[in-house]
Amino acid sequence: MGDSLQGKVAVVTGSGRGIGQAVIKQLASEGAKVVVNDLGANLDGTGTEGGPADQTVAEIKEAGGEAVANTDNIATKEGSESLIKTAVDNFGRIDIVVNCAGILRDKMLHKMEWEDFDAVVKVHLYGTFGTIRAAMPYMREQGFGRIINFSSIGGGGGGPLGNPGQANYTAAKAGIIGLSRTVAMEGGRKNITCNVIFPAARTRMGWSDDLEKAWDARASQGIVDATTTVLDKMKAGELLPEDNAPIVAFLGSDQAQRINGCIFHILGREIRLYGEMLPERAIFSKGERWTVEELQKVAPGLVTYGL
């Protein structure tokens, strides 16, 4: 066990299983007192069963850490506020908020119901906003806060990448990036940082039999894109939930004070820093403003590089 988070109090949403569980165990091993938040829901968000949170708390305590369980639904105002209150009531403060909780309801857009979009956005994006909003007054008053939000390579970094069948998920994850950068700007003067993680791990959310079949089909067709490396490593069993935990512990520490508003993509032993979304090229009208006719002539070359 380390001591880089000694005296700190942390909450991690969705920490009863998978990446969230690996993260909260790492925080506890570094000396943080932790609140394990997990509804125990199915992958699509239905059902609740407190077992994962209670079991994770038991494992942390057995390892010598301090932890309490929480099964509030952070997709609601009441739930996110209650989660932060659990930390303050049990441990006297809140220093670190990590947002890992998420659900999936994958469907092609023309088949996606409003309820599918709403449920996913509420857990991922509303839940992230809710925990930050509830914790921010405490963090501002004490002059310290560390917020780490989990987004996705599907939500983009230098630009949204998207993912067919996940309009709800990628919209929420892209929203988390914008939210996090604003929080970083607003909190920086009060020693409150906010950073983003693109995780990669073979978990129940990150891998499935259907995904493996689809990936095999893509590979047989020679399709290569931004997700190729990630999925290849997942299939090989190289990417584990625990790979994503150390950087979260580091970002939660005093030593990470100058790291704010950044996006990190974790690929096992590799950590990638994503840059800003910057313009690649520009075209200028010859007249006072663009005409449709002029755009018809030159705009295609903007995106095809004149080819």
C-alpha atoms as a PDB file:
ATOM      1  CA  MET A   1       0.000   0.000   0.000  1.00  0.00           C
ATOM      2  CA  GLY A   2       1.127   3.549  -0.786  1.00  0.00           C
ATOM      3  CA  ASP A   3       0.334   6.805   0.950  1.00  0.00           C
ATOM      4  CA  SER A   4      -0.065   9.344  -1.866  1.00  0.00           C
ATOM      5  CA  LEU A   5      -3.765   9.793  -0.988  1.00  0.00           C
ATOM      6  CA  GLN A   6      -3.464   9.648   2.797  1.00  0.00           C
ATOM      7  CA  GLY A   7      -6.154  11.817   4.384  1.00  0.00           C
ATOM      8  CA  LYS A   8      -8.159  12.098   1.165  1.00  0.00           C
ATOM      9  CA  VAL A   9     -11.771  11.012   0.729  1.00  0.00           C
ATOM     10  CA  ALA A  10     -12.927   9.663  -2.639  1.00  0.00           C
ATOM     11  CA  VAL A  11     -16.124   8.519  -4.294  1.00  0.00           C
ATOM     12  CA  VAL A  12     -16.141   6.402  -7.438  1.00  0.00           C
ATOM     13  CA  THR A  13     -19.383   5.804  -9.323  1.00  0.00           C
ATOM     14  CA  GLY A  14     -19.913   2.380 -10.826  1.00  0.00           C
ATOM     15  CA  SER A  15     -17.182   0.963  -8.623  1.00  0.00           C
ATOM     16  CA  GLY A  16     -18.701  -2.381  -7.697  1.00  0.00           C
ATOM     17  CA  ARG A  17     -17.311  -4.067 -10.798  1.00  0.00           C
ATOM     18  CA  GLY A  18     -14.942  -3.650 -13.711  1.00  0.00           C
ATOM     19  CA  ILE A  19     -12.815  -0.544 -14.185  1.00  0.00           C
ATOM     20  CA  GLY A  20     -14.555   1.350 -11.387  1.00  0.00           C
ATOM     21  CA  GLN A  21     -13.773  -1.408  -8.927  1.00  0.00           C
ATOM     22  CA  ALA A  22     -10.120  -1.484  -9.982  1.00  0.00           C
ATOM     23  CA  VAL A  23      -9.946   2.289  -9.556  1.00  0.00           C
ATOM     24  CA  ILE A  24     -11.470   2.422  -6.099  1.00  0.00           C
ATOM     25  CA  LYS A  25      -9.259  -0.392  -4.837  1.00  0.00           C
ATOM     26  CA  GLN A  26      -6.234   1.527  -6.111  1.00  0.00           C
ATOM     27  CA  LEU A  27      -7.381   4.717  -4.363  1.00  0.00           C
ATOM     28  CA  ALA A  28      -7.925   2.809  -1.121  1.00  0.00           C
ATOM     29  CA  SER A  29      -4.503   1.172  -1.427  1.00  0.00           C
ATOM     30  CA  GLU A  30      -2.976   4.661  -1.611  1.00  0.00           C
ATOM     31  CA  GLY A  31      -4.611   5.632   1.677  1.00  0.00           C
ATOM     32  CA  ALA A  32      -7.876   7.250   0.594  1.00  0.00           C
ATOM     33  CA  LYS A  33     -11.091   6.623   2.479  1.00  0.00           C
ATOM     34  CA  VAL A  34     -13.602   5.616  -0.174  1.00  0.00           C
ATOM     35  CA  VAL A  35     -17.292   5.408  -0.982  1.00  0.00           C
ATOM     36  CA  VAL A  36     -18.149   2.542  -3.320  1.00  0.00           C
ATOM     37  CA  ASN A  37     -21.131   3.600  -5.421  1.00  0.00           C
ATOM     38  CA  ASP A  38     -22.901   0.957  -7.481  1.00  0.00           C
ATOM     39  CA  LEU A  39     -26.559   0.231  -8.130  1.00  0.00           C
ATOM     40  CA  GLY A  40     -25.790  -3.348  -9.064  1.00  0.00           C
ATOM     41  CA  ALA A  41     -27.824  -2.853 -12.226  1.00  0.00           C
ATOM     42  CA  ASN A  42     -27.769  -4.886 -15.409  1.00  0.00           C
ATOM     43  CA  LEU A  43     -25.728  -3.623 -18.343  1.00  0.00           C
ATOM     44  CA  ASP A  44     -28.765  -1.818 -19.755  1.00  0.00           C
ATOM     45  CA  GLY A  45     -29.444  -0.078 -16.435  1.00  0.00           C
ATOM     46  CA  THR A  46     -32.402  -2.201 -15.402  1.00  0.00           C
ATOM     47  CA  GLY A  47     -32.662  -3.866 -12.027  1.00  0.00           C
ATOM     48  CA  THR A  48     -30.807  -3.065  -8.827  1.00  0.00           C
ATOM     49  CA  GLU A  49     -28.902  -5.305  -6.474  1.00  0.00           C
ATOM     50  CA  GLY A  50     -26.518  -3.955  -3.865  1.00  0.00           C
ATOM     51  CA  GLY A  51     -24.190  -6.948  -3.879  1.00  0.00           C
ATOM     52  CA  PRO A  52     -21.337  -5.516  -5.993  1.00  0.00           C
ATOM     53  CA  ALA A  53     -20.931  -2.442  -3.775  1.00  0.00           C
ATOM     54  CA  ASP A  54     -21.069  -4.433  -0.539  1.00  0.00           C
ATOM     55  CA  GLN A  55     -18.661  -7.062  -1.841  1.00  0.00           C
ATOM     56  CA  THR A  56     -16.150  -4.436  -2.974  1.00  0.00           C
ATOM     57  CA  VAL A  57     -16.317  -2.715   0.407  1.00  0.00           C
ATOM     58  CA  ALA A  58     -15.636  -6.036   2.107  1.00  0.00           C
ATOM     59  CA  GLU A  59     -12.600  -6.644  -0.104  1.00  0.00           C
ATOM     60  CA  ILE A  60     -11.195  -3.158   0.583  1.00  0.00           C
ATOM     61  CA  LYS A  61     -11.638  -3.569   4.319  1.00  0.00           C
ATOM     62  CA  GLU A  62     -10.030  -6.994   4.214  1.00  0.00           C
ATOM     63  CA  ALA A  63      -7.008  -5.369   2.546  1.00  0.00           C
ATOM     64  CA  GLY A  64      -6.784  -2.810   5.356  1.00  0.00           C
ATOM     65  CA  GLY A  65      -8.646   0.104   3.772  1.00  0.00           C
ATOM     66  CA  GLU A  66     -11.626   2.199   4.887  1.00  0.00           C
ATOM     67  CA  ALA A  67     -14.763   2.049   2.770  1.00  0.00           C
ATOM     68  CA  VAL A  68     -18.533   2.371   2.849  1.00  0.00           C
ATOM     69  CA  ALA A  69     -21.107   1.269   0.275  1.00  0.00           C
ATOM     70  CA  ASN A  70     -23.616   3.470  -1.526  1.00  0.00           C
ATOM     71  CA  THR A  71     -26.327   2.376  -3.957  1.00  0.00           C
ATOM     72  CA  ASP A  72     -27.790   5.765  -4.926  1.00  0.00           C
ATOM     73  CA  ASN A  73     -28.750   6.389  -8.554  1.00  0.00           C
ATOM     74  CA  ILE A  74     -26.397   9.177  -9.666  1.00  0.00           C
ATOM     75  CA  ALA A  75     -28.516   9.771 -12.785  1.00  0.00           C
ATOM     76  CA  THR A  76     -30.852  11.781 -10.537  1.00  0.00           C
ATOM     77  CA  LYS A  77     -30.282  15.012  -8.626  1.00  0.00           C
ATOM     78  CA  GLU A  78     -31.254  13.348  -5.362  1.00  0.00           C
ATOM     79  CA  GLY A  79     -28.990  10.378  -5.939  1.00  0.00           C
ATOM     80  CA  SER A  80     -25.867  12.319  -6.849  1.00  0.00           C
ATOM     81  CA  GLU A  81     -26.336  14.681  -3.903  1.00  0.00           C
ATOM     82  CA  SER A  82     -26.888  11.749  -1.554  1.00  0.00           C
ATOM     83  CA  LEU A  83     -23.690  10.083  -2.768  1.00  0.00           C
ATOM     84  CA  ILE A  84     -21.541  13.107  -1.933  1.00  0.00           C
ATOM     85  CA  LYS A  85     -23.371  13.494   1.384  1.00  0.00           C
ATOM     86  CA  THR A  86     -22.470   9.875   2.186  1.00  0.00           C
ATOM     87  CA  ALA A  87     -18.793  10.751   1.862  1.00  0.00           C
ATOM     88  CA  VAL A  88     -19.086  13.891   3.982  1.00  0.00           C
ATOM     89  CA  ASP A  89     -21.248  12.245   6.650  1.00  0.00           C
ATOM     90  CA  ASN A  90     -18.934   9.235   7.005  1.00  0.00           C
ATOM     91  CA  PHE A  91     -15.518  10.781   6.506  1.00  0.00           C
ATOM     92  CA  GLY A  92     -15.959  14.531   7.002  1.00  0.00           C
ATOM     93  CA  ARG A  93     -15.011  15.787   3.510  1.00  0.00           C
ATOM     94  CA  ILE A  94     -14.868  15.005  -0.204  1.00  0.00           C
ATOM     95  CA  ASP A  95     -11.609  15.369  -2.130  1.00  0.00           C
ATOM     96  CA  ILE A  96     -11.811  13.110  -5.163  1.00  0.00           C
ATOM     97  CA  VAL A  97     -14.743  12.360  -7.466  1.00  0.00           C
ATOM     98  CA  VAL A  98     -14.321   9.709 -10.144  1.00  0.00           C
ATOM     99  CA  ASN A  99     -17.169   9.112 -12.586  1.00  0.00           C
ATOM    100  CA  CYS A 100     -17.078   5.590 -14.031  1.00  0.00           C
ATOM    101  CA  ALA A 101     -20.743   4.584 -13.955  1.00  0.00           C
ATOM    102  CA  GLY A 102     -22.343   3.755 -17.262  1.00  0.00           C
ATOM    103  CA  ILE A 103     -24.904   1.644 -19.081  1.00  0.00           C
ATOM    104  CA  LEU A 104     -25.393   0.557 -22.683  1.00  0.00           C
ATOM    105  CA  ARG A 105     -28.495   0.365 -24.841  1.00  0.00           C
ATOM    106  CA  ASP A 106     -27.009  -0.164 -28.274  1.00  0.00           C
ATOM    107  CA  LYS A 107     -29.251   0.205 -31.320  1.00  0.00           C
ATOM    108  CA  MET A 108     -28.944   1.774 -34.727  1.00  0.00           C
ATOM    109  CA  LEU A 109     -30.330   5.309 -34.620  1.00  0.00           C
ATOM    110  CA  HIS A 110     -33.427   4.559 -36.699  1.00  0.00           C
ATOM    111  CA  LYS A 111     -34.370   1.847 -34.192  1.00  0.00           C
ATOM    112  CA  MET A 112     -33.370   3.662 -31.007  1.00  0.00           C
ATOM    113  CA  GLU A 113     -36.243   4.623 -28.738  1.00  0.00           C
ATOM    114  CA  TRP A 114     -36.341   7.934 -26.886  1.00  0.00           C
ATOM    115  CA  GLU A 115     -36.124   5.994 -23.648  1.00  0.00           C
ATOM    116  CA  ASP A 116     -32.879   4.330 -24.787  1.00  0.00           C
ATOM    117  CA  PHE A 117     -31.264   7.676 -25.545  1.00  0.00           C
ATOM    118  CA  ASP A 118     -32.565   9.302 -22.384  1.00  0.00           C
ATOM    119  CA  ALA A 119     -31.467   6.518 -20.035  1.00  0.00           C
ATOM    120  CA  VAL A 120     -27.901   6.351 -21.341  1.00  0.00           C
ATOM    121  CA  VAL A 121     -27.378  10.117 -21.407  1.00  0.00           C
ATOM    122  CA  LYS A 122     -28.752  10.457 -17.883  1.00  0.00           C
ATOM    123  CA  VAL A 123     -26.394   7.903 -16.377  1.00  0.00           C
ATOM    124  CA  HIS A 124     -23.254   9.001 -18.209  1.00  0.00           C
ATOM    125  CA  LEU A 125     -23.666  12.754 -18.643  1.00  0.00           C
ATOM    126  CA  TYR A 126     -26.248  13.790 -16.042  1.00  0.00           C
ATOM    127  CA  GLY A 127     -24.583  11.524 -13.495  1.00  0.00           C
ATOM    128  CA  THR A 128     -21.209  13.127 -14.143  1.00  0.00           C
ATOM    129  CA  PHE A 129     -22.682  16.610 -13.847  1.00  0.00           C
ATOM    130  CA  GLY A 130     -24.635  15.685 -10.715  1.00  0.00           C
ATOM    131  CA  THR A 131     -21.720  14.364  -8.683  1.00  0.00           C
ATOM    132  CA  ILE A 132     -19.508  17.297  -9.672  1.00  0.00           C
ATOM    133  CA  ARG A 133     -22.242  19.815  -8.871  1.00  0.00           C
ATOM    134  CA  ALA A 134     -22.814  18.260  -5.463  1.00  0.00           C
ATOM    135  CA  ALA A 135     -19.113  18.084  -4.602  1.00  0.00           C
ATOM    136  CA  MET A 136     -18.023  21.472  -5.940  1.00  0.00           C
ATOM    137  CA  PRO A 137     -19.144  23.642  -2.970  1.00  0.00           C
ATOM    138  CA  TYR A 138     -17.142  21.448  -0.562  1.00  0.00           C
ATOM    139  CA  MET A 139     -14.103  21.468  -2.819  1.00  0.00           C
ATOM    140  CA  ARG A 140     -14.202  25.242  -3.274  1.00  0.00           C
ATOM    141  CA  GLU A 141     -14.470  25.827   0.452  1.00  0.00           C
ATOM    142  CA  GLN A 142     -11.510  23.577   1.293  1.00  0.00           C
ATOM    143  CA  GLY A 143      -9.416  24.781  -1.662  1.00  0.00           C
ATOM    144  CA  PHE A 144      -8.819  21.299  -3.025  1.00  0.00           C
ATOM    145  CA  GLY A 145     -10.563  18.969  -5.430  1.00  0.00           C
ATOM    146  CA  ARG A 146      -9.732  16.306  -7.950  1.00  0.00           C
ATOM    147  CA  ILE A 147     -12.314  15.245 -10.531  1.00  0.00           C
ATOM    148  CA  ILE A 148     -11.614  12.446 -12.992  1.00  0.00           C
ATOM    149  CA  ASN A 149     -14.293  11.645 -15.555  1.00  0.00           C
ATOM    150  CA  PHE A 150     -14.358   8.574 -17.756  1.00  0.00           C
ATOM    151  CA  SER A 151     -15.297   9.252 -21.354  1.00  0.00           C
ATOM    152  CA  SER A 152     -14.560   7.064 -24.381  1.00  0.00           C
ATOM    153  CA  ILE A 153     -12.527   6.967 -27.553  1.00  0.00           C
ATOM    154  CA  GLY A 154     -15.960   6.707 -29.188  1.00  0.00           C
ATOM    155  CA  GLY A 155     -16.808  10.154 -27.864  1.00  0.00           C
ATOM    156  CA  GLY A 156     -13.681  11.627 -29.415  1.00  0.00           C
ATOM    157  CA  GLY A 157     -10.876  13.804 -28.141  1.00  0.00           C
ATOM    158  CA  GLY A 158      -9.341  15.659 -31.027  1.00  0.00           C
ATOM    159  CA  GLY A 159     -12.726  15.222 -32.657  1.00  0.00           C
ATOM    160  CA  PRO A 160     -15.720  12.930 -32.073  1.00  0.00           C
ATOM    161  CA  LEU A 161     -15.074   9.499 -33.577  1.00  0.00           C
ATOM    162  CA  GLY A 162     -18.512   8.011 -33.067  1.00  0.00           C
ATOM    163  CA  ASN A 163     -19.511   4.368 -33.170  1.00  0.00           C
ATOM    164  CA  PRO A 164     -22.390   2.836 -35.174  1.00  0.00           C
ATOM    165  CA  GLY A 165     -25.196   1.650 -32.921  1.00  0.00           C
ATOM    166  CA  GLN A 166     -24.155   3.910 -30.044  1.00  0.00           C
ATOM    167  CA  ALA A 167     -25.575   7.349 -30.792  1.00  0.00           C
ATOM    168  CA  ASN A 168     -26.723   7.675 -27.173  1.00  0.00           C
ATOM    169  CA  TYR A 169     -23.427   6.516 -25.665  1.00  0.00           C
ATOM    170  CA  THR A 170     -21.112   8.539 -27.910  1.00  0.00           C
ATOM    171  CA  ALA A 171     -23.236  11.679 -27.525  1.00  0.00           C
ATOM    172  CA  ALA A 172     -23.002  11.382 -23.747  1.00  0.00           C
ATOM    173  CA  LYS A 173     -19.284  10.649 -23.785  1.00  0.00           C
ATOM    174  CA  ALA A 174     -18.561  13.610 -26.063  1.00  0.00           C
ATOM    175  CA  GLY A 175     -20.617  15.754 -23.703  1.00  0.00           C
ATOM    176  CA  ILE A 176     -18.458  14.643 -20.787  1.00  0.00           C
ATOM    177  CA  ILE A 177     -15.398  16.034 -22.567  1.00  0.00           C
ATOM    178  CA  GLY A 178     -16.944  19.480 -22.949  1.00  0.00           C
ATOM    179  CA  LEU A 179     -18.262  19.429 -19.390  1.00  0.00           C
ATOM    180  CA  SER A 180     -14.874  18.408 -18.006  1.00  0.00           C
ATOM    181  CA  ARG A 181     -12.982  21.157 -19.793  1.00  0.00           C
ATOM    182  CA  THR A 182     -15.388  23.770 -18.476  1.00  0.00           C
ATOM    183  CA  VAL A 183     -15.070  22.383 -14.948  1.00  0.00           C
ATOM    184  CA  ALA A 184     -11.283  22.538 -15.321  1.00  0.00           C
ATOM    185  CA  MET A 185     -11.492  26.219 -16.278  1.00  0.00           C
ATOM    186  CA  GLU A 186     -13.880  27.102 -13.460  1.00  0.00           C
ATOM    187  CA  GLY A 187     -12.114  25.112 -10.746  1.00  0.00           C
ATOM    188  CA  GLY A 188      -8.469  25.739 -11.535  1.00  0.00           C
ATOM    189  CA  ARG A 189      -8.137  28.887  -9.439  1.00  0.00           C
ATOM    190  CA  LYS A 190      -9.408  26.983  -6.392  1.00  0.00           C
ATOM    191  CA  ASN A 191      -6.954  24.082  -6.798  1.00  0.00           C
ATOM    192  CA  ILE A 192      -9.738  21.947  -8.275  1.00  0.00           C
ATOM    193  CA  THR A 193      -8.633  20.001 -11.325  1.00  0.00           C
ATOM    194  CA  CYS A 194     -10.728  18.017 -13.783  1.00  0.00           C
ATOM    195  CA  ASN A 195      -9.304  15.507 -16.239  1.00  0.00           C
ATOM    196  CA  VAL A 196     -10.680  12.866 -18.585  1.00  0.00           C
ATOM    197  CA  ILE A 197      -9.793   9.225 -19.106  1.00  0.00           C
ATOM    198  CA  PHE A 198     -10.468   7.164 -22.217  1.00  0.00           C
ATOM    199  CA  PRO A 199     -10.223   3.672 -20.716  1.00  0.00           C
ATOM    200  CA  ALA A 200      -9.586   0.398 -22.459  1.00  0.00           C
ATOM    201  CA  ALA A 201     -10.302  -2.944 -20.824  1.00  0.00           C
ATOM    202  CA  ARG A 202     -12.054  -6.189 -21.550  1.00  0.00           C
ATOM    203  CA  THR A 203     -15.039  -5.787 -19.247  1.00  0.00           C
ATOM    204  CA  ARG A 204     -18.735  -6.580 -19.586  1.00  0.00           C
ATOM    205  CA  MET A 205     -19.214  -3.090 -21.058  1.00  0.00           C
ATOM    206  CA  GLY A 206     -16.107  -3.099 -23.214  1.00  0.00           C
ATOM    207  CA  TRP A 207     -16.382  -6.567 -24.766  1.00  0.00           C
ATOM    208  CA  SER A 208     -19.038  -9.101 -25.686  1.00  0.00           C
ATOM    209  CA  ASP A 209     -19.532 -12.165 -27.872  1.00  0.00           C
ATOM    210  CA  ASP A 210     -21.382 -10.050 -30.431  1.00  0.00           C
ATOM    211  CA  LEU A 211     -18.552  -7.522 -30.494  1.00  0.00           C
ATOM    212  CA  GLU A 212     -16.004 -10.295 -31.002  1.00  0.00           C
ATOM    213  CA  LYS A 213     -17.978 -11.689 -33.954  1.00  0.00           C
ATOM    214  CA  ALA A 214     -18.288  -8.228 -35.493  1.00  0.00           C
ATOM    215  CA  TRP A 215     -14.589  -7.589 -34.953  1.00  0.00           C
ATOM    216  CA  ASP A 216     -13.640 -10.871 -36.616  1.00  0.00           C
ATOM    217  CA  ALA A 217     -15.798  -9.898 -39.588  1.00  0.00           C
ATOM    218  CA  ARG A 218     -14.128  -6.484 -39.835  1.00  0.00           C
ATOM    219  CA  ALA A 219     -10.683  -8.022 -39.598  1.00  0.00           C
ATOM    220  CA  SER A 220     -11.482 -10.504 -42.380  1.00  0.00           C
ATOM    221  CA  GLN A 221     -12.380  -7.540 -44.607  1.00  0.00           C
ATOM    222  CA  GLY A 222      -9.132  -5.752 -43.788  1.00  0.00           C
ATOM    223  CA  ILE A 223     -10.878  -2.798 -42.122  1.00  0.00           C
ATOM    224  CA  VAL A 224      -8.486  -0.639 -40.103  1.00  0.00           C
ATOM    225  CA  ASP A 225      -9.497   2.480 -38.158  1.00  0.00           C
ATOM    226  CA  ALA A 226      -8.916   4.301 -34.864  1.00  0.00           C
ATOM    227  CA  THR A 227     -10.296   1.432 -32.776  1.00  0.00           C
ATOM    228  CA  THR A 228      -8.244  -1.321 -34.408  1.00  0.00           C
ATOM    229  CA  THR A 229      -5.387  -1.296 -31.905  1.00  0.00           C
ATOM    230  CA  VAL A 230      -7.744  -1.192 -28.926  1.00  0.00           C
ATOM    231  CA  LEU A 231      -9.919  -4.096 -30.029  1.00  0.00           C
ATOM    232  CA  ASP A 232      -6.949  -6.184 -31.130  1.00  0.00           C
ATOM    233  CA  LYS A 233      -5.459  -5.839 -27.661  1.00  0.00           C
ATOM    234  CA  MET A 234      -8.790  -6.610 -25.994  1.00  0.00           C
ATOM    235  CA  LYS A 235      -9.216  -9.763 -28.024  1.00  0.00           C
ATOM    236  CA  ALA A 236      -5.724 -10.843 -27.013  1.00  0.00           C
ATOM    237  CA  GLY A 237      -6.640 -10.285 -23.354  1.00  0.00           C
ATOM    238  CA  GLU A 238      -3.923  -7.667 -22.880  1.00  0.00           C
ATOM    239  CA  LEU A 239      -6.059  -4.822 -21.539  1.00  0.00           C
ATOM    240  CA  LEU A 240      -7.242  -5.237 -17.945  1.00  0.00           C
ATOM    241  CA  PRO A 241      -9.387  -2.987 -15.702  1.00  0.00           C
ATOM    242  CA  GLU A 242      -6.397  -2.560 -13.378  1.00  0.00           C
ATOM    243  CA  ASP A 243      -4.412  -0.890 -16.186  1.00  0.00           C
ATOM    244  CA  ASN A 244      -6.623   2.194 -15.845  1.00  0.00           C
ATOM    245  CA  ALA A 245      -6.326   2.622 -12.082  1.00  0.00           C
ATOM    246  CA  PRO A 246      -2.821   4.016 -11.363  1.00  0.00           C
ATOM    247  CA  ILE A 247      -3.251   7.199 -13.398  1.00  0.00           C
ATOM    248  CA  VAL A 248      -6.522   7.930 -11.603  1.00  0.00           C
ATOM    249  CA  ALA A 249      -4.754   7.665  -8.253  1.00  0.00           C
ATOM    250  CA  PHE A 250      -2.021   9.953  -9.531  1.00  0.00           C
ATOM    251  CA  LEU A 251      -4.477  12.538 -10.881  1.00  0.00           C
ATOM    252  CA  GLY A 252      -6.224  12.496  -7.491  1.00  0.00           C
ATOM    253  CA  SER A 253      -3.057  13.389  -5.616  1.00  0.00           C
ATOM    254  CA  ASP A 254      -1.389  16.643  -4.593  1.00  0.00           C
ATOM    255  CA  GLN A 255       1.369  15.960  -7.114  1.00  0.00           C
ATOM    256  CA  ALA A 256      -1.058  16.368 -10.049  1.00  0.00           C
ATOM    257  CA  GLN A 257      -1.929  19.969  -9.209  1.00  0.00           C
ATOM    258  CA  ARG A 258      -0.694  21.331 -12.555  1.00  0.00           C
ATOM    259  CA  ILE A 259      -2.477  18.733 -14.676  1.00  0.00           C
ATOM    260  CA  ASN A 260      -5.877  20.128 -15.555  1.00  0.00           C
ATOM    261  CA  GLY A 261      -8.261  19.829 -18.486  1.00  0.00           C
ATOM    262  CA  CYS A 262      -6.327  16.946 -20.055  1.00  0.00           C
ATOM    263  CA  ILE A 263      -7.516  13.811 -21.831  1.00  0.00           C
ATOM    264  CA  PHE A 264      -5.616  10.555 -21.403  1.00  0.00           C
ATOM    265  CA  HIS A 265      -6.181   7.339 -23.340  1.00  0.00           C
ATOM    266  CA  ILE A 266      -4.992   4.265 -21.452  1.00  0.00           C
ATOM    267  CA  LEU A 267      -3.836   1.270 -23.488  1.00  0.00           C
ATOM    268  CA  GLY A 268      -2.255  -1.122 -21.042  1.00  0.00           C
ATOM    269  CA  ARG A 269       1.345   0.013 -20.632  1.00  0.00           C
ATOM    270  CA  GLU A 270       0.799   2.965 -22.995  1.00  0.00           C
ATOM    271  CA  ILE A 271      -0.726   6.296 -21.976  1.00  0.00           C
ATOM    272  CA  ARG A 272      -1.671   8.683 -24.773  1.00  0.00           C
ATOM    273  CA  LEU A 273      -2.294  12.393 -24.258  1.00  0.00           C
ATOM    274  CA  TYR A 274      -4.939  13.759 -26.590  1.00  0.00           C
ATOM    275  CA  GLY A 275      -4.480  17.262 -27.976  1.00  0.00           C
ATOM    276  CA  GLU A 276      -6.928  20.042 -28.654  1.00  0.00           C
ATOM    277  CA  MET A 277      -9.337  19.987 -31.590  1.00  0.00           C
ATOM    278  CA  LEU A 278      -7.591  22.372 -33.985  1.00  0.00           C
ATOM    279  CA  PRO A 279      -8.372  23.450 -37.579  1.00  0.00           C
ATOM    280  CA  GLU A 280      -6.530  21.467 -40.239  1.00  0.00           C
ATOM    281  CA  ARG A 281      -7.006  23.664 -43.301  1.00  0.00           C
ATOM    282  CA  ALA A 282      -8.935  26.736 -44.409  1.00  0.00           C
ATOM    283  CA  ILE A 283     -10.350  28.235 -47.586  1.00  0.00           C
ATOM    284  CA  PHE A 284     -11.276  31.869 -48.204  1.00  0.00           C
ATOM    285  CA  SER A 285     -13.904  33.403 -50.454  1.00  0.00           C
ATOM    286  CA  LYS A 286     -12.731  35.722 -53.204  1.00  0.00           C
ATOM    287  CA  GLY A 287     -15.738  37.923 -52.630  1.00  0.00           C
ATOM    288  CA  GLU A 288     -17.349  39.649 -49.663  1.00  0.00           C
ATOM    289  CA  ARG A 289     -18.958  36.363 -48.609  1.00  0.00           C
ATOM    290  CA  TRP A 290     -19.275  32.857 -49.928  1.00  0.00           C
ATOM    291  CA  THR A 291     -21.716  31.954 -52.677  1.00  0.00           C
ATOM    292  CA  VAL A 292     -23.112  28.495 -53.244  1.00  0.00           C
ATOM    293  CA  GLU A 293     -21.564  28.415 -56.715  1.00  0.00           C
ATOM    294  CA  GLU A 294     -18.104  29.237 -55.377  1.00  0.00           C
ATOM    295  CA  LEU A 295     -18.425  26.603 -52.655  1.00  0.00           C
ATOM    296  CA  GLN A 296     -19.415  24.014 -55.232  1.00  0.00           C
ATOM    297  CA  LYS A 297     -16.065  24.614 -56.912  1.00  0.00           C
ATOM    298  CA  VAL A 298     -13.683  24.767 -53.956  1.00  0.00           C
ATOM    299  CA  ALA A 299     -15.278  23.218 -50.871  1.00  0.00           C
ATOM    300  CA  PRO A 300     -14.767  19.564 -51.950  1.00  0.00           C
ATOM    301  CA  GLY A 301     -11.035  20.209 -52.107  1.00  0.00           C
ATOM    302  CA  LEU A 302     -11.048  21.290 -48.457  1.00  0.00           C
ATOM    303  CA  VAL A 303     -11.845  17.795 -47.263  1.00  0.00           C
ATOM    304  CA  THR A 304     -10.142  15.827 -50.041  1.00  0.00           C
ATOM    305  CA  TYR A 305      -6.953  17.883 -50.010  1.00  0.00           C
ATOM    306  CA  GLY A 306      -7.494  18.729 -53.645  1.00  0.00           C
ATOM    307  CA  LEU A 307      -7.487  15.110 -54.804  1.00  0.00           C
END
